[in-house]
Amino acid sequence: MATVIKSRHATVSKPPYMLYMAFTDMSNFVRFLPEDKKKDVTADYDSIKAVVQGFNIGIRISERVPYSRIEMKDDGAPFSFTITMFFDAAGGDPDKTDFHIELSAELNMVMKMMLGSKIQEALDKIVDALAAVSEGRVPEGIDPDILKNAGQGNFN
């Protein structure tokens, strides 16, 4: 049975279509990596692959629902998982997005105990960081130079 982990929701100060477009091309993710990490990552429009702590991990976009949802599946990973990102209008304001992420993974009991809280924390940090960047703030724990190298986090 799959383990489902849901991030918190955050309001991102960008319209859903703009945020969706930033995530629809997997090669965009490489821009946010520190230079020393880029050598272990390859990406194209539909997929990204990396070596993380000795493991080959790949993610491929499996479904795009314009301006509302992107679903990604593992593409060569130690366990099977699906990540879904949601881009919903925030409280009727067309210039803001209610953003959240859900991860569904086939984790055995040991992996669930070891990774569950770390996955939850990582999803929440991604959502919080995206909300901060959209408001022109540097997220906690992020090197400001990374944002400069990535176009300052703009979603244009």
C-alpha atoms as a PDB file:
ATOM      1  CA  MET A   1       0.000   0.000   0.000  1.00  0.00           C
ATOM      2  CA  ALA A   2       1.288   3.442  -0.922  1.00  0.00           C
ATOM      3  CA  THR A   3       2.283   6.011   1.658  1.00  0.00           C
ATOM      4  CA  VAL A   4       0.835   9.447   0.858  1.00  0.00           C
ATOM      5  CA  ILE A   5       2.588  12.536   2.200  1.00  0.00           C
ATOM      6  CA  LYS A   6       1.018  15.972   1.681  1.00  0.00           C
ATOM      7  CA  SER A   7       2.847  19.271   2.025  1.00  0.00           C
ATOM      8  CA  ARG A   8       1.344  22.291   3.657  1.00  0.00           C
ATOM      9  CA  HIS A   9      -0.416  24.791   1.389  1.00  0.00           C
ATOM     10  CA  ALA A  10       1.179  28.175   0.693  1.00  0.00           C
ATOM     11  CA  THR A  11       0.046  31.212  -1.219  1.00  0.00           C
ATOM     12  CA  VAL A  12       2.490  32.059  -3.988  1.00  0.00           C
ATOM     13  CA  SER A  13       2.408  35.633  -5.312  1.00  0.00           C
ATOM     14  CA  LYS A  14       2.236  34.552  -8.958  1.00  0.00           C
ATOM     15  CA  PRO A  15      -0.764  33.527 -11.076  1.00  0.00           C
ATOM     16  CA  PRO A  16      -1.323  29.763 -11.489  1.00  0.00           C
ATOM     17  CA  TYR A  17      -0.426  29.772 -15.206  1.00  0.00           C
ATOM     18  CA  MET A  18       2.943  31.457 -14.546  1.00  0.00           C
ATOM     19  CA  LEU A  19       3.880  29.091 -11.743  1.00  0.00           C
ATOM     20  CA  TYR A  20       2.750  26.079 -13.777  1.00  0.00           C
ATOM     21  CA  MET A  21       4.893  27.137 -16.736  1.00  0.00           C
ATOM     22  CA  ALA A  22       7.992  27.389 -14.517  1.00  0.00           C
ATOM     23  CA  PHE A  23       7.557  23.741 -13.475  1.00  0.00           C
ATOM     24  CA  THR A  24       6.451  22.231 -16.770  1.00  0.00           C
ATOM     25  CA  ASP A  25      10.009  22.097 -18.183  1.00  0.00           C
ATOM     26  CA  MET A  26      12.249  19.869 -16.051  1.00  0.00           C
ATOM     27  CA  SER A  27      15.409  21.521 -17.369  1.00  0.00           C
ATOM     28  CA  ASN A  28      14.416  24.643 -15.387  1.00  0.00           C
ATOM     29  CA  PHE A  29      15.270  22.827 -12.142  1.00  0.00           C
ATOM     30  CA  VAL A  30      18.969  22.723 -12.980  1.00  0.00           C
ATOM     31  CA  ARG A  31      19.142  26.546 -12.782  1.00  0.00           C
ATOM     32  CA  PHE A  32      18.578  26.421  -9.026  1.00  0.00           C
ATOM     33  CA  LEU A  33      21.404  24.004  -8.276  1.00  0.00           C
ATOM     34  CA  PRO A  34      24.796  25.116  -6.978  1.00  0.00           C
ATOM     35  CA  GLU A  35      27.482  24.826  -9.674  1.00  0.00           C
ATOM     36  CA  ASP A  36      29.224  21.919  -7.922  1.00  0.00           C
ATOM     37  CA  LYS A  37      25.986  19.841  -7.999  1.00  0.00           C
ATOM     38  CA  LYS A  38      25.139  20.408 -11.678  1.00  0.00           C
ATOM     39  CA  LYS A  39      27.744  17.906 -12.941  1.00  0.00           C
ATOM     40  CA  ASP A  40      25.702  14.981 -11.565  1.00  0.00           C
ATOM     41  CA  VAL A  41      22.407  16.150 -13.122  1.00  0.00           C
ATOM     42  CA  THR A  42      20.991  15.812 -16.624  1.00  0.00           C
ATOM     43  CA  ALA A  43      17.624  17.212 -17.644  1.00  0.00           C
ATOM     44  CA  ASP A  44      15.407  17.817 -20.631  1.00  0.00           C
ATOM     45  CA  TYR A  45      11.817  19.023 -21.042  1.00  0.00           C
ATOM     46  CA  ASP A  46      10.232  15.821 -19.690  1.00  0.00           C
ATOM     47  CA  SER A  47      12.769  14.366 -17.268  1.00  0.00           C
ATOM     48  CA  ILE A  48      15.607  14.925 -14.852  1.00  0.00           C
ATOM     49  CA  LYS A  49      18.185  12.417 -13.618  1.00  0.00           C
ATOM     50  CA  ALA A  50      20.739  12.799 -10.850  1.00  0.00           C
ATOM     51  CA  VAL A  51      23.144  10.883  -8.657  1.00  0.00           C
ATOM     52  CA  VAL A  52      22.215  11.576  -5.028  1.00  0.00           C
ATOM     53  CA  GLN A  53      24.344  10.031  -2.268  1.00  0.00           C
ATOM     54  CA  GLY A  54      25.423   7.302  -4.671  1.00  0.00           C
ATOM     55  CA  PHE A  55      21.909   6.480  -5.913  1.00  0.00           C
ATOM     56  CA  ASN A  56      20.726   7.126  -9.463  1.00  0.00           C
ATOM     57  CA  ILE A  57      17.369   8.870  -9.268  1.00  0.00           C
ATOM     58  CA  GLY A  58      15.215   9.906 -12.176  1.00  0.00           C
ATOM     59  CA  ILE A  59      11.887  11.696 -12.443  1.00  0.00           C
ATOM     60  CA  ARG A  60       9.727  11.946 -15.554  1.00  0.00           C
ATOM     61  CA  ILE A  61       6.626  14.082 -16.043  1.00  0.00           C
ATOM     62  CA  SER A  62       3.751  11.680 -16.627  1.00  0.00           C
ATOM     63  CA  GLU A  63       0.892  14.153 -16.910  1.00  0.00           C
ATOM     64  CA  ARG A  64       0.427  17.872 -17.426  1.00  0.00           C
ATOM     65  CA  VAL A  65      -2.969  19.460 -16.810  1.00  0.00           C
ATOM     66  CA  PRO A  66      -2.441  23.032 -18.033  1.00  0.00           C
ATOM     67  CA  TYR A  67      -2.232  25.593 -15.294  1.00  0.00           C
ATOM     68  CA  SER A  68      -3.569  23.321 -12.524  1.00  0.00           C
ATOM     69  CA  ARG A  69      -1.523  20.139 -12.015  1.00  0.00           C
ATOM     70  CA  ILE A  70       1.731  18.394 -12.952  1.00  0.00           C
ATOM     71  CA  GLU A  71       2.316  14.743 -12.102  1.00  0.00           C
ATOM     72  CA  MET A  72       5.773  13.164 -12.062  1.00  0.00           C
ATOM     73  CA  LYS A  73       6.772   9.530 -11.635  1.00  0.00           C
ATOM     74  CA  ASP A  74      10.015   7.865 -10.697  1.00  0.00           C
ATOM     75  CA  ASP A  75      12.207   6.965 -13.661  1.00  0.00           C
ATOM     76  CA  GLY A  76      14.904   4.827 -12.151  1.00  0.00           C
ATOM     77  CA  ALA A  77      14.838   5.199  -8.373  1.00  0.00           C
ATOM     78  CA  PRO A  78      15.340   2.876  -5.397  1.00  0.00           C
ATOM     79  CA  PHE A  79      11.534   2.860  -4.811  1.00  0.00           C
ATOM     80  CA  SER A  80       8.396   3.679  -6.770  1.00  0.00           C
ATOM     81  CA  PHE A  81       6.853   7.140  -6.232  1.00  0.00           C
ATOM     82  CA  THR A  82       4.610   9.792  -7.761  1.00  0.00           C
ATOM     83  CA  ILE A  83       4.843  13.528  -7.070  1.00  0.00           C
ATOM     84  CA  THR A  84       1.888  15.765  -7.884  1.00  0.00           C
ATOM     85  CA  MET A  85       2.100  19.563  -7.766  1.00  0.00           C
ATOM     86  CA  PHE A  86      -1.137  21.539  -7.558  1.00  0.00           C
ATOM     87  CA  PHE A  87      -1.577  25.117  -8.801  1.00  0.00           C
ATOM     88  CA  ASP A  88      -4.987  26.419  -7.657  1.00  0.00           C
ATOM     89  CA  ALA A  89      -6.337  29.968  -7.722  1.00  0.00           C
ATOM     90  CA  ALA A  90      -5.924  31.432  -4.246  1.00  0.00           C
ATOM     91  CA  GLY A  91      -9.133  32.787  -2.766  1.00  0.00           C
ATOM     92  CA  GLY A  92     -10.381  34.290  -6.006  1.00  0.00           C
ATOM     93  CA  ASP A  93      -7.235  36.383  -6.571  1.00  0.00           C
ATOM     94  CA  PRO A  94      -6.097  35.644 -10.150  1.00  0.00           C
ATOM     95  CA  ASP A  95      -2.567  36.879  -9.341  1.00  0.00           C
ATOM     96  CA  LYS A  96      -1.933  34.358  -6.535  1.00  0.00           C
ATOM     97  CA  THR A  97      -1.682  30.581  -6.405  1.00  0.00           C
ATOM     98  CA  ASP A  98      -2.536  28.123  -3.652  1.00  0.00           C
ATOM     99  CA  PHE A  99       0.377  25.725  -4.144  1.00  0.00           C
ATOM    100  CA  HIS A 100       0.917  22.320  -2.561  1.00  0.00           C
ATOM    101  CA  ILE A 101       2.617  18.997  -3.295  1.00  0.00           C
ATOM    102  CA  GLU A 102       1.576  15.393  -2.704  1.00  0.00           C
ATOM    103  CA  LEU A 103       3.931  12.433  -2.790  1.00  0.00           C
ATOM    104  CA  SER A 104       2.737   8.845  -3.015  1.00  0.00           C
ATOM    105  CA  ALA A 105       5.465   6.238  -2.492  1.00  0.00           C
ATOM    106  CA  GLU A 106       5.805   2.498  -2.094  1.00  0.00           C
ATOM    107  CA  LEU A 107       7.749   2.471   1.170  1.00  0.00           C
ATOM    108  CA  ASN A 108       8.203  -0.544   3.397  1.00  0.00           C
ATOM    109  CA  MET A 109       7.776   0.000   7.137  1.00  0.00           C
ATOM    110  CA  VAL A 110      11.486   0.590   7.777  1.00  0.00           C
ATOM    111  CA  MET A 111      11.808   3.106   4.926  1.00  0.00           C
ATOM    112  CA  LYS A 112       8.611   4.847   6.041  1.00  0.00           C
ATOM    113  CA  MET A 113       9.968   5.227   9.569  1.00  0.00           C
ATOM    114  CA  MET A 114      13.367   6.435   8.318  1.00  0.00           C
ATOM    115  CA  LEU A 115      12.193   8.719   5.505  1.00  0.00           C
ATOM    116  CA  GLY A 116       8.595   9.748   6.271  1.00  0.00           C
ATOM    117  CA  SER A 117       9.325  12.803   8.403  1.00  0.00           C
ATOM    118  CA  LYS A 118      12.261  13.834   6.198  1.00  0.00           C
ATOM    119  CA  ILE A 119      10.078  13.724   3.078  1.00  0.00           C
ATOM    120  CA  GLN A 120       7.376  15.743   4.851  1.00  0.00           C
ATOM    121  CA  GLU A 121       9.956  18.325   5.922  1.00  0.00           C
ATOM    122  CA  ALA A 122      11.425  18.545   2.401  1.00  0.00           C
ATOM    123  CA  LEU A 123       8.005  19.048   0.771  1.00  0.00           C
ATOM    124  CA  ASP A 124       7.095  21.779   3.262  1.00  0.00           C
ATOM    125  CA  LYS A 125      10.451  23.524   2.703  1.00  0.00           C
ATOM    126  CA  ILE A 126       9.928  23.517  -1.072  1.00  0.00           C
ATOM    127  CA  VAL A 127       6.461  25.045  -0.712  1.00  0.00           C
ATOM    128  CA  ASP A 128       7.659  27.664   1.818  1.00  0.00           C
ATOM    129  CA  ALA A 129      10.693  28.561  -0.305  1.00  0.00           C
ATOM    130  CA  LEU A 130       8.560  29.049  -3.416  1.00  0.00           C
ATOM    131  CA  ALA A 131       6.201  31.346  -1.524  1.00  0.00           C
ATOM    132  CA  ALA A 132       9.168  33.344  -0.160  1.00  0.00           C
ATOM    133  CA  VAL A 133      10.844  33.720  -3.561  1.00  0.00           C
ATOM    134  CA  SER A 134       7.564  34.875  -5.124  1.00  0.00           C
ATOM    135  CA  GLU A 135       7.470  37.702  -2.594  1.00  0.00           C
ATOM    136  CA  GLY A 136      11.086  38.699  -3.228  1.00  0.00           C
ATOM    137  CA  ARG A 137      12.404  37.138  -0.013  1.00  0.00           C
ATOM    138  CA  VAL A 138      15.376  34.780   0.172  1.00  0.00           C
ATOM    139  CA  PRO A 139      14.180  31.487   1.683  1.00  0.00           C
ATOM    140  CA  GLU A 140      15.777  30.356   4.923  1.00  0.00           C
ATOM    141  CA  GLY A 141      18.807  28.153   4.296  1.00  0.00           C
ATOM    142  CA  ILE A 142      19.205  29.209   0.628  1.00  0.00           C
ATOM    143  CA  ASP A 143      22.371  30.871  -0.620  1.00  0.00           C
ATOM    144  CA  PRO A 144      21.298  34.206  -2.237  1.00  0.00           C
ATOM    145  CA  ASP A 145      23.861  33.634  -5.016  1.00  0.00           C
ATOM    146  CA  ILE A 146      21.874  30.613  -6.210  1.00  0.00           C
ATOM    147  CA  LEU A 147      18.889  32.881  -6.829  1.00  0.00           C
ATOM    148  CA  LYS A 148      21.066  35.380  -8.678  1.00  0.00           C
ATOM    149  CA  ASN A 149      22.380  32.600 -10.912  1.00  0.00           C
ATOM    150  CA  ALA A 150      18.837  31.385 -11.554  1.00  0.00           C
ATOM    151  CA  GLY A 151      17.396  34.697 -12.637  1.00  0.00           C
ATOM    152  CA  GLN A 152      16.540  35.694  -9.038  1.00  0.00           C
ATOM    153  CA  GLY A 153      13.721  33.191  -8.866  1.00  0.00           C
ATOM    154  CA  ASN A 154      11.500  35.044 -11.291  1.00  0.00           C
ATOM    155  CA  PHE A 155       8.834  32.931 -12.939  1.00  0.00           C
ATOM    156  CA  ASN A 156       8.746  34.763 -16.281  1.00  0.00           C
END
